[in-house]
Amino acid sequence: DEAIIITTGVGQHQMWTAQYYNFTKPDTMITSGGLGTMGFGLPAAIGAKVANPNKTVIDIDGDGSFNMTLTEMMTAVKNNINIKVIILNNNSLGMVKQWQDMYHEKRHTTTTNINKIDYVKFAKSIGCVGIRCDKQSDIQTTINRLLLFDCPVIAEFIVTSDEHCLPMVESHKALDDMIFSKP
């Protein structure tokens, strides 16, 4: 049973990965934890694949976090580092937007990504495979497809920007003050 190594950036996608991915082996999730290091997932995936060339390495990222280091995909392509990137694209800085929804009367400031990137065209422009999934019914097929390629792949999954990631811990609160529903 091959253990897949998962890396993440920072944001809602990081929390969902930790909550919903079925990790069965130790040392298979690489994340910056609570340090808030947006852009961490992609370079971490490249490093993990170089260190573990026979393992499948997948970066599960958000569009905001991926955008911080997306040019590193050119490093993966140039050096044929066979990583897979899953972008959960909600066209926003989802975790920040969530905080603005919950605690600032939905006053959204600088959370919507106005410079929309076509990740499939970006992938093709740098020489890797680009796939888009915009239907829930196509999720498993898209994941299966991205794993078939023996080269770097970017798979963009279009998701809503209104979903919140719970449970969460508010700023300056202890873990036992975790909230499980929107206030």
N, C-alpha and C. Protein backbone atom coordinates (compact mmCIF):
# COMPACT_ATOMS: atom_id res chain seq x y z
N ASP A 1 0.85 -1.18 0.00
CA ASP A 1 0.00 0.00 0.00
C ASP A 1 0.89 1.24 0.00
N GLU A 2 0.91 1.91 -1.12
CA GLU A 2 1.73 3.12 -1.24
C GLU A 2 1.07 4.27 -0.49
N ALA A 3 1.83 4.90 0.37
CA ALA A 3 1.33 6.08 1.07
C ALA A 3 1.53 7.29 0.17
N ILE A 4 0.46 8.01 -0.07
CA ILE A 4 0.54 9.25 -0.83
C ILE A 4 0.95 10.36 0.12
N ILE A 5 1.87 11.19 -0.30
CA ILE A 5 2.28 12.34 0.50
C ILE A 5 1.43 13.53 0.06
N ILE A 6 0.79 14.16 1.03
CA ILE A 6 -0.05 15.32 0.77
C ILE A 6 0.62 16.54 1.37
N THR A 7 0.71 17.61 0.58
CA THR A 7 1.16 18.90 1.11
C THR A 7 -0.01 19.87 0.99
N THR A 8 0.03 20.93 1.78
CA THR A 8 -1.00 21.96 1.66
C THR A 8 -0.38 23.33 1.82
N GLY A 9 -1.09 24.29 1.24
CA GLY A 9 -0.81 25.68 1.54
C GLY A 9 -1.52 26.04 2.83
N VAL A 10 -1.98 27.27 2.92
CA VAL A 10 -2.67 27.73 4.13
C VAL A 10 -4.03 28.29 3.76
N GLY A 11 -5.04 27.85 4.48
CA GLY A 11 -6.40 28.34 4.26
C GLY A 11 -7.41 27.25 4.52
N GLN A 12 -8.61 27.46 4.01
CA GLN A 12 -9.67 26.50 4.21
C GLN A 12 -9.30 25.12 3.66
N HIS A 13 -8.63 25.08 2.52
CA HIS A 13 -8.23 23.81 1.92
C HIS A 13 -7.34 23.01 2.87
N GLN A 14 -6.52 23.70 3.63
CA GLN A 14 -5.64 23.05 4.61
C GLN A 14 -6.47 22.38 5.70
N MET A 15 -7.47 23.09 6.19
CA MET A 15 -8.34 22.54 7.25
C MET A 15 -9.16 21.36 6.72
N TRP A 16 -9.71 21.51 5.51
CA TRP A 16 -10.50 20.42 4.94
C TRP A 16 -9.64 19.19 4.69
N THR A 17 -8.42 19.40 4.24
CA THR A 17 -7.52 18.26 4.03
C THR A 17 -7.28 17.53 5.34
N ALA A 18 -6.98 18.27 6.39
CA ALA A 18 -6.72 17.67 7.70
C ALA A 18 -7.95 16.95 8.23
N GLN A 19 -9.13 17.49 7.96
CA GLN A 19 -10.36 16.92 8.49
C GLN A 19 -10.88 15.73 7.67
N TYR A 20 -10.72 15.77 6.36
CA TYR A 20 -11.42 14.81 5.52
C TYR A 20 -10.55 13.83 4.75
N TYR A 21 -9.26 14.10 4.60
CA TYR A 21 -8.41 13.13 3.91
C TYR A 21 -8.12 11.98 4.88
N ASN A 22 -8.23 10.76 4.38
CA ASN A 22 -8.06 9.59 5.23
C ASN A 22 -6.57 9.20 5.30
N PHE A 23 -5.83 9.89 6.17
CA PHE A 23 -4.42 9.57 6.35
C PHE A 23 -4.31 8.24 7.09
N THR A 24 -3.55 7.31 6.52
CA THR A 24 -3.41 5.99 7.13
C THR A 24 -1.98 5.70 7.57
N LYS A 25 -1.05 6.55 7.20
CA LYS A 25 0.35 6.34 7.55
C LYS A 25 0.94 7.64 8.09
N PRO A 26 1.89 7.52 9.01
CA PRO A 26 2.53 8.73 9.55
C PRO A 26 3.41 9.41 8.49
N ASP A 27 3.69 10.65 8.72
CA ASP A 27 4.60 11.44 7.87
C ASP A 27 4.11 11.55 6.43
N THR A 28 2.81 11.60 6.23
CA THR A 28 2.28 11.73 4.88
C THR A 28 1.52 13.05 4.68
N MET A 29 1.48 13.91 5.68
CA MET A 29 0.92 15.26 5.51
C MET A 29 2.00 16.26 5.86
N ILE A 30 2.29 17.12 4.89
CA ILE A 30 3.28 18.18 5.10
C ILE A 30 2.57 19.51 4.97
N THR A 31 2.54 20.24 6.06
CA THR A 31 1.85 21.53 6.08
C THR A 31 2.59 22.44 7.05
N SER A 32 2.36 23.72 6.93
CA SER A 32 3.04 24.65 7.84
C SER A 32 2.27 24.80 9.15
N GLY A 33 1.22 24.01 9.33
CA GLY A 33 0.45 24.07 10.57
C GLY A 33 -0.25 25.41 10.70
N GLY A 34 -0.15 26.00 11.86
CA GLY A 34 -0.81 27.27 12.12
C GLY A 34 0.06 28.48 11.86
N LEU A 35 1.14 28.32 11.13
CA LEU A 35 2.06 29.44 10.92
C LEU A 35 1.57 30.44 9.87
N GLY A 36 0.55 30.09 9.11
CA GLY A 36 0.00 31.02 8.14
C GLY A 36 0.89 31.25 6.93
N THR A 37 1.66 30.26 6.54
CA THR A 37 2.62 30.41 5.46
C THR A 37 1.96 30.12 4.12
N MET A 38 1.22 31.11 3.59
CA MET A 38 0.58 30.92 2.28
C MET A 38 1.66 30.67 1.24
N GLY A 39 1.36 29.75 0.32
CA GLY A 39 2.31 29.40 -0.72
C GLY A 39 3.22 28.25 -0.36
N PHE A 40 3.09 27.71 0.83
CA PHE A 40 3.95 26.64 1.32
C PHE A 40 3.77 25.32 0.56
N GLY A 41 2.55 25.02 0.13
CA GLY A 41 2.22 23.71 -0.41
C GLY A 41 3.00 23.30 -1.64
N LEU A 42 3.14 24.19 -2.61
CA LEU A 42 3.80 23.83 -3.86
C LEU A 42 5.29 23.56 -3.68
N PRO A 43 6.07 24.46 -3.09
CA PRO A 43 7.49 24.12 -2.89
C PRO A 43 7.68 22.92 -1.97
N ALA A 44 6.79 22.73 -1.01
CA ALA A 44 6.87 21.55 -0.14
C ALA A 44 6.64 20.28 -0.95
N ALA A 45 5.71 20.33 -1.91
CA ALA A 45 5.45 19.16 -2.76
C ALA A 45 6.66 18.84 -3.62
N ILE A 46 7.29 19.87 -4.17
CA ILE A 46 8.49 19.65 -4.99
C ILE A 46 9.58 18.99 -4.15
N GLY A 47 9.81 19.52 -2.96
CA GLY A 47 10.82 18.94 -2.07
C GLY A 47 10.49 17.52 -1.65
N ALA A 48 9.22 17.27 -1.35
CA ALA A 48 8.81 15.93 -0.94
C ALA A 48 8.99 14.92 -2.07
N LYS A 49 8.71 15.34 -3.29
CA LYS A 49 8.86 14.42 -4.43
C LYS A 49 10.33 14.14 -4.73
N VAL A 50 11.18 15.16 -4.62
CA VAL A 50 12.61 14.93 -4.82
C VAL A 50 13.15 13.97 -3.76
N ALA A 51 12.68 14.12 -2.52
CA ALA A 51 13.12 13.25 -1.43
C ALA A 51 12.51 11.86 -1.51
N ASN A 52 11.35 11.74 -2.16
CA ASN A 52 10.62 10.46 -2.26
C ASN A 52 10.19 10.23 -3.70
N PRO A 53 11.14 9.98 -4.61
CA PRO A 53 10.80 9.92 -6.03
C PRO A 53 9.83 8.80 -6.41
N ASN A 54 9.71 7.78 -5.60
CA ASN A 54 8.81 6.67 -5.92
C ASN A 54 7.43 6.80 -5.31
N LYS A 55 7.18 7.90 -4.62
CA LYS A 55 5.86 8.11 -4.01
C LYS A 55 5.08 9.15 -4.80
N THR A 56 3.76 9.03 -4.74
CA THR A 56 2.89 10.04 -5.32
C THR A 56 2.81 11.20 -4.35
N VAL A 57 3.03 12.40 -4.86
CA VAL A 57 2.97 13.61 -4.03
C VAL A 57 1.92 14.55 -4.63
N ILE A 58 0.99 14.94 -3.78
CA ILE A 58 -0.11 15.81 -4.20
C ILE A 58 -0.14 17.03 -3.29
N ASP A 59 -0.13 18.20 -3.91
CA ASP A 59 -0.35 19.46 -3.18
C ASP A 59 -1.82 19.80 -3.28
N ILE A 60 -2.52 19.84 -2.15
CA ILE A 60 -3.91 20.30 -2.12
C ILE A 60 -3.85 21.75 -1.68
N ASP A 61 -4.25 22.65 -2.59
CA ASP A 61 -4.03 24.06 -2.38
C ASP A 61 -5.30 24.85 -2.69
N GLY A 62 -5.34 26.05 -2.19
CA GLY A 62 -6.38 26.99 -2.57
C GLY A 62 -5.81 27.92 -3.63
N ASP A 63 -6.68 28.60 -4.35
CA ASP A 63 -6.19 29.48 -5.40
C ASP A 63 -5.36 30.62 -4.83
N GLY A 64 -5.76 31.18 -3.70
CA GLY A 64 -4.99 32.26 -3.10
C GLY A 64 -3.61 31.83 -2.66
N SER A 65 -3.53 30.69 -2.01
CA SER A 65 -2.25 30.17 -1.54
C SER A 65 -1.37 29.74 -2.71
N PHE A 66 -1.96 29.04 -3.69
CA PHE A 66 -1.19 28.59 -4.86
C PHE A 66 -0.61 29.78 -5.62
N ASN A 67 -1.38 30.86 -5.71
CA ASN A 67 -0.91 32.04 -6.45
C ASN A 67 0.37 32.63 -5.87
N MET A 68 0.64 32.39 -4.60
CA MET A 68 1.83 32.95 -3.96
C MET A 68 3.13 32.38 -4.54
N THR A 69 3.09 31.13 -5.00
CA THR A 69 4.32 30.48 -5.48
C THR A 69 4.11 29.73 -6.80
N LEU A 70 3.08 30.06 -7.55
CA LEU A 70 2.73 29.28 -8.74
C LEU A 70 3.85 29.17 -9.76
N THR A 71 4.76 30.13 -9.80
CA THR A 71 5.84 30.05 -10.78
C THR A 71 6.79 28.89 -10.49
N GLU A 72 6.72 28.32 -9.29
CA GLU A 72 7.55 27.16 -8.99
C GLU A 72 7.12 25.92 -9.76
N MET A 73 5.92 25.97 -10.38
CA MET A 73 5.53 24.87 -11.27
C MET A 73 6.51 24.77 -12.43
N MET A 74 7.10 25.89 -12.83
CA MET A 74 8.10 25.84 -13.91
C MET A 74 9.33 25.04 -13.48
N THR A 75 9.66 25.10 -12.19
CA THR A 75 10.76 24.29 -11.66
C THR A 75 10.41 22.81 -11.79
N ALA A 76 9.17 22.46 -11.42
CA ALA A 76 8.74 21.07 -11.52
C ALA A 76 8.77 20.58 -12.97
N VAL A 77 8.30 21.42 -13.89
CA VAL A 77 8.28 21.04 -15.31
C VAL A 77 9.71 20.90 -15.83
N LYS A 78 10.55 21.90 -15.58
CA LYS A 78 11.92 21.90 -16.09
C LYS A 78 12.70 20.66 -15.62
N ASN A 79 12.45 20.26 -14.38
CA ASN A 79 13.20 19.14 -13.80
C ASN A 79 12.41 17.83 -13.79
N ASN A 80 11.26 17.82 -14.48
CA ASN A 80 10.39 16.64 -14.56
C ASN A 80 10.11 16.04 -13.19
N ILE A 81 9.72 16.91 -12.28
CA ILE A 81 9.34 16.50 -10.93
C ILE A 81 7.84 16.25 -10.96
N ASN A 82 7.47 15.00 -10.95
CA ASN A 82 6.11 14.55 -11.20
C ASN A 82 5.20 14.76 -9.99
N ILE A 83 4.83 16.01 -9.76
CA ILE A 83 3.90 16.31 -8.67
C ILE A 83 2.52 16.58 -9.25
N LYS A 84 1.54 16.42 -8.42
CA LYS A 84 0.16 16.73 -8.78
C LYS A 84 -0.31 17.87 -7.88
N VAL A 85 -0.96 18.85 -8.47
CA VAL A 85 -1.50 19.97 -7.70
C VAL A 85 -3.00 19.99 -7.88
N ILE A 86 -3.71 19.96 -6.77
CA ILE A 86 -5.16 20.12 -6.77
C ILE A 86 -5.45 21.51 -6.21
N ILE A 87 -6.07 22.35 -7.03
CA ILE A 87 -6.42 23.70 -6.59
C ILE A 87 -7.92 23.74 -6.33
N LEU A 88 -8.29 24.05 -5.09
CA LEU A 88 -9.69 24.29 -4.76
C LEU A 88 -9.92 25.77 -5.00
N ASN A 89 -10.50 26.09 -6.15
CA ASN A 89 -10.62 27.48 -6.59
C ASN A 89 -11.98 28.05 -6.21
N ASN A 90 -11.98 28.87 -5.16
CA ASN A 90 -13.19 29.58 -4.76
C ASN A 90 -13.09 31.06 -5.12
N ASN A 91 -12.07 31.40 -5.92
CA ASN A 91 -11.86 32.76 -6.39
C ASN A 91 -11.78 33.77 -5.25
N SER A 92 -11.21 33.33 -4.14
CA SER A 92 -11.08 34.25 -3.01
C SER A 92 -10.02 33.75 -2.04
N LEU A 93 -9.70 34.59 -1.11
CA LEU A 93 -8.92 34.17 0.05
C LEU A 93 -9.95 33.66 1.05
N GLY A 94 -10.28 32.39 0.91
CA GLY A 94 -11.45 31.82 1.57
C GLY A 94 -11.47 31.94 3.08
N MET A 95 -10.33 31.69 3.74
CA MET A 95 -10.32 31.75 5.19
C MET A 95 -10.51 33.18 5.68
N VAL A 96 -9.89 34.13 5.00
CA VAL A 96 -10.06 35.53 5.38
C VAL A 96 -11.50 35.96 5.13
N LYS A 97 -12.05 35.57 3.99
CA LYS A 97 -13.45 35.88 3.69
C LYS A 97 -14.37 35.28 4.75
N GLN A 98 -14.06 34.06 5.18
CA GLN A 98 -14.87 33.42 6.23
C GLN A 98 -14.88 34.27 7.49
N TRP A 99 -13.72 34.77 7.90
CA TRP A 99 -13.65 35.62 9.08
C TRP A 99 -14.46 36.89 8.87
N GLN A 100 -14.38 37.47 7.67
CA GLN A 100 -15.15 38.68 7.39
C GLN A 100 -16.65 38.39 7.39
N ASP A 101 -17.04 37.20 6.89
CA ASP A 101 -18.45 36.80 6.94
C ASP A 101 -18.92 36.68 8.39
N MET A 102 -18.12 36.02 9.20
CA MET A 102 -18.55 35.66 10.55
C MET A 102 -18.43 36.79 11.57
N TYR A 103 -17.44 37.66 11.40
CA TYR A 103 -17.16 38.63 12.46
C TYR A 103 -17.19 40.10 12.01
N HIS A 104 -17.39 40.33 10.73
CA HIS A 104 -17.35 41.71 10.24
C HIS A 104 -18.51 42.00 9.29
N GLU A 105 -19.68 41.45 9.62
CA GLU A 105 -20.91 41.68 8.87
C GLU A 105 -20.76 41.54 7.36
N LYS A 106 -19.96 40.57 6.94
CA LYS A 106 -19.74 40.27 5.52
C LYS A 106 -19.16 41.46 4.75
N ARG A 107 -18.43 42.32 5.44
CA ARG A 107 -17.74 43.42 4.76
C ARG A 107 -16.44 42.84 4.19
N HIS A 108 -16.49 42.51 2.92
CA HIS A 108 -15.35 41.86 2.27
C HIS A 108 -14.38 42.90 1.73
N THR A 109 -13.17 42.81 2.21
CA THR A 109 -12.12 43.71 1.77
C THR A 109 -10.93 42.89 1.31
N THR A 110 -10.55 43.06 0.08
CA THR A 110 -9.39 42.42 -0.55
C THR A 110 -9.38 40.90 -0.41
N THR A 111 -10.54 40.29 -0.45
CA THR A 111 -10.58 38.82 -0.37
C THR A 111 -10.97 38.18 -1.69
N THR A 112 -11.56 38.91 -2.61
CA THR A 112 -11.93 38.35 -3.91
C THR A 112 -10.75 38.49 -4.86
N ASN A 113 -10.40 37.40 -5.52
CA ASN A 113 -9.29 37.43 -6.48
C ASN A 113 -9.79 38.06 -7.78
N ILE A 114 -9.42 39.32 -8.00
CA ILE A 114 -9.89 40.02 -9.19
C ILE A 114 -9.08 39.66 -10.43
N ASN A 115 -7.86 39.19 -10.24
CA ASN A 115 -7.02 38.76 -11.36
C ASN A 115 -7.22 37.26 -11.54
N LYS A 116 -8.30 36.89 -12.19
CA LYS A 116 -8.64 35.48 -12.34
C LYS A 116 -7.66 34.80 -13.28
N ILE A 117 -7.09 33.74 -12.82
CA ILE A 117 -6.14 32.97 -13.61
C ILE A 117 -6.85 31.75 -14.18
N ASP A 118 -6.65 31.51 -15.45
CA ASP A 118 -7.12 30.28 -16.07
C ASP A 118 -6.01 29.26 -15.85
N TYR A 119 -6.17 28.42 -14.84
CA TYR A 119 -5.10 27.50 -14.44
C TYR A 119 -4.82 26.43 -15.50
N VAL A 120 -5.81 26.07 -16.30
CA VAL A 120 -5.58 25.11 -17.37
C VAL A 120 -4.67 25.73 -18.43
N LYS A 121 -4.96 26.97 -18.81
CA LYS A 121 -4.11 27.66 -19.79
C LYS A 121 -2.73 27.92 -19.20
N PHE A 122 -2.67 28.28 -17.92
CA PHE A 122 -1.37 28.50 -17.28
C PHE A 122 -0.55 27.21 -17.34
N ALA A 123 -1.17 26.09 -16.97
CA ALA A 123 -0.46 24.80 -16.98
C ALA A 123 0.09 24.50 -18.37
N LYS A 124 -0.74 24.65 -19.37
CA LYS A 124 -0.31 24.36 -20.74
C LYS A 124 0.80 25.33 -21.17
N SER A 125 0.72 26.58 -20.74
CA SER A 125 1.72 27.57 -21.17
C SER A 125 3.11 27.28 -20.62
N ILE A 126 3.18 26.53 -19.51
CA ILE A 126 4.51 26.20 -18.95
C ILE A 126 4.90 24.75 -19.22
N GLY A 127 4.06 24.04 -19.95
CA GLY A 127 4.43 22.69 -20.37
C GLY A 127 3.97 21.56 -19.48
N CYS A 128 2.97 21.80 -18.65
CA CYS A 128 2.42 20.68 -17.88
C CYS A 128 0.95 20.48 -18.22
N VAL A 129 0.37 19.46 -17.68
CA VAL A 129 -1.02 19.13 -17.95
C VAL A 129 -1.92 19.98 -17.07
N GLY A 130 -3.00 20.48 -17.64
CA GLY A 130 -4.01 21.23 -16.89
C GLY A 130 -5.38 20.60 -17.07
N ILE A 131 -6.09 20.43 -15.97
CA ILE A 131 -7.42 19.81 -15.98
C ILE A 131 -8.34 20.69 -15.14
N ARG A 132 -9.58 20.83 -15.55
CA ARG A 132 -10.56 21.57 -14.75
C ARG A 132 -11.75 20.68 -14.45
N CYS A 133 -12.23 20.78 -13.22
CA CYS A 133 -13.44 20.06 -12.80
C CYS A 133 -14.41 21.11 -12.25
N ASP A 134 -15.56 21.23 -12.89
CA ASP A 134 -16.55 22.20 -12.41
C ASP A 134 -17.89 21.57 -12.08
N LYS A 135 -17.91 20.22 -12.03
CA LYS A 135 -19.13 19.50 -11.65
C LYS A 135 -18.81 18.53 -10.54
N GLN A 136 -19.62 18.53 -9.52
CA GLN A 136 -19.41 17.61 -8.40
C GLN A 136 -19.40 16.16 -8.87
N SER A 137 -20.19 15.85 -9.86
CA SER A 137 -20.27 14.47 -10.36
C SER A 137 -18.97 14.02 -11.05
N ASP A 138 -18.08 14.96 -11.39
CA ASP A 138 -16.83 14.62 -12.09
C ASP A 138 -15.61 14.59 -11.16
N ILE A 139 -15.80 14.76 -9.87
CA ILE A 139 -14.66 14.86 -8.95
C ILE A 139 -13.79 13.60 -9.00
N GLN A 140 -14.37 12.44 -8.80
CA GLN A 140 -13.57 11.22 -8.74
C GLN A 140 -12.90 10.92 -10.08
N THR A 141 -13.61 11.15 -11.17
CA THR A 141 -13.03 10.94 -12.50
C THR A 141 -11.83 11.86 -12.71
N THR A 142 -11.94 13.10 -12.28
CA THR A 142 -10.85 14.06 -12.44
C THR A 142 -9.65 13.65 -11.60
N ILE A 143 -9.88 13.21 -10.38
CA ILE A 143 -8.77 12.76 -9.52
C ILE A 143 -8.10 11.54 -10.14
N ASN A 144 -8.89 10.59 -10.61
CA ASN A 144 -8.32 9.40 -11.25
C ASN A 144 -7.49 9.80 -12.47
N ARG A 145 -7.99 10.74 -13.23
CA ARG A 145 -7.30 11.19 -14.44
C ARG A 145 -5.96 11.85 -14.12
N LEU A 146 -5.94 12.72 -13.13
CA LEU A 146 -4.69 13.43 -12.82
C LEU A 146 -3.61 12.48 -12.34
N LEU A 147 -4.01 11.37 -11.73
CA LEU A 147 -3.03 10.39 -11.25
C LEU A 147 -2.43 9.55 -12.37
N LEU A 148 -3.05 9.55 -13.53
CA LEU A 148 -2.56 8.75 -14.65
C LEU A 148 -1.31 9.33 -15.31
N PHE A 149 -1.13 10.62 -15.22
CA PHE A 149 -0.05 11.28 -15.93
C PHE A 149 1.29 11.09 -15.22
N ASP A 150 2.33 10.89 -16.01
CA ASP A 150 3.69 10.75 -15.48
C ASP A 150 4.45 12.06 -15.71
N CYS A 151 3.84 13.15 -15.28
CA CYS A 151 4.41 14.49 -15.43
C CYS A 151 3.68 15.41 -14.46
N PRO A 152 4.16 16.63 -14.27
CA PRO A 152 3.46 17.56 -13.39
C PRO A 152 2.06 17.87 -13.93
N VAL A 153 1.08 17.93 -13.02
CA VAL A 153 -0.31 18.18 -13.38
C VAL A 153 -0.90 19.23 -12.43
N ILE A 154 -1.67 20.15 -13.01
CA ILE A 154 -2.49 21.08 -12.22
C ILE A 154 -3.94 20.71 -12.50
N ALA A 155 -4.68 20.39 -11.44
CA ALA A 155 -6.11 20.10 -11.56
C ALA A 155 -6.87 21.14 -10.75
N GLU A 156 -7.68 21.91 -11.44
CA GLU A 156 -8.46 22.97 -10.80
C GLU A 156 -9.88 22.48 -10.55
N PHE A 157 -10.31 22.60 -9.31
CA PHE A 157 -11.67 22.23 -8.92
C PHE A 157 -12.40 23.51 -8.54
N ILE A 158 -13.46 23.84 -9.25
CA ILE A 158 -14.22 25.05 -8.99
C ILE A 158 -15.14 24.76 -7.79
N VAL A 159 -15.03 25.58 -6.76
CA VAL A 159 -15.84 25.43 -5.55
C VAL A 159 -16.47 26.76 -5.18
N THR A 160 -17.47 26.72 -4.34
CA THR A 160 -18.16 27.94 -3.92
C THR A 160 -17.31 28.75 -2.96
N SER A 161 -17.51 30.05 -2.96
CA SER A 161 -16.78 30.91 -2.03
C SER A 161 -17.56 31.14 -0.74
N ASP A 162 -18.74 30.54 -0.64
CA ASP A 162 -19.58 30.77 0.53
C ASP A 162 -19.47 29.68 1.60
N GLU A 163 -18.71 28.64 1.31
CA GLU A 163 -18.57 27.54 2.27
C GLU A 163 -17.63 27.95 3.40
N HIS A 164 -17.99 27.60 4.62
CA HIS A 164 -17.14 27.88 5.77
C HIS A 164 -16.54 26.59 6.29
N CYS A 165 -15.36 26.71 6.83
CA CYS A 165 -14.63 25.57 7.38
C CYS A 165 -14.78 25.59 8.91
N LEU A 166 -15.47 24.60 9.40
CA LEU A 166 -15.68 24.49 10.85
C LEU A 166 -15.34 23.07 11.26
N PRO A 167 -14.92 22.82 12.46
CA PRO A 167 -14.78 23.77 13.57
C PRO A 167 -13.56 24.67 13.37
N MET A 168 -13.53 25.74 14.16
CA MET A 168 -12.40 26.66 14.12
C MET A 168 -12.19 27.26 15.50
N VAL A 169 -11.00 27.77 15.68
CA VAL A 169 -10.67 28.44 16.93
C VAL A 169 -10.51 29.92 16.62
N GLU A 170 -11.23 30.74 17.35
CA GLU A 170 -11.15 32.19 17.14
C GLU A 170 -9.79 32.72 17.61
N SER A 171 -9.45 33.89 17.13
CA SER A 171 -8.19 34.52 17.54
C SER A 171 -8.15 34.68 19.05
N HIS A 172 -7.00 34.42 19.60
CA HIS A 172 -6.73 34.62 21.04
C HIS A 172 -7.61 33.76 21.94
N LYS A 173 -8.09 32.63 21.41
CA LYS A 173 -8.90 31.71 22.21
C LYS A 173 -8.16 30.39 22.36
N ALA A 174 -8.55 29.66 23.39
CA ALA A 174 -7.95 28.35 23.65
C ALA A 174 -8.67 27.28 22.82
N LEU A 175 -8.02 26.14 22.64
CA LEU A 175 -8.63 25.06 21.86
C LEU A 175 -9.96 24.60 22.43
N ASP A 176 -10.13 24.68 23.74
CA ASP A 176 -11.41 24.25 24.31
C ASP A 176 -12.52 25.29 24.12
N ASP A 177 -12.18 26.43 23.46
CA ASP A 177 -13.18 27.42 23.08
C ASP A 177 -13.56 27.30 21.61
N MET A 178 -13.24 26.15 21.00
CA MET A 178 -13.51 25.94 19.58
C MET A 178 -14.98 26.13 19.28
N ILE A 179 -15.27 26.73 18.10
CA ILE A 179 -16.67 26.89 17.69
C ILE A 179 -16.99 25.89 16.59
N PHE A 180 -18.21 25.39 16.62
CA PHE A 180 -18.62 24.35 15.70
C PHE A 180 -19.70 24.80 14.72
N SER A 181 -20.20 26.01 14.89
CA SER A 181 -21.20 26.55 13.98
C SER A 181 -21.00 28.05 13.83
N LYS A 182 -21.57 28.61 12.79
CA LYS A 182 -21.43 30.04 12.57
C LYS A 182 -22.06 30.81 13.73
N PRO A 183 -21.37 31.86 14.21
CA PRO A 183 -21.95 32.65 15.31
C PRO A 183 -23.18 33.44 14.87
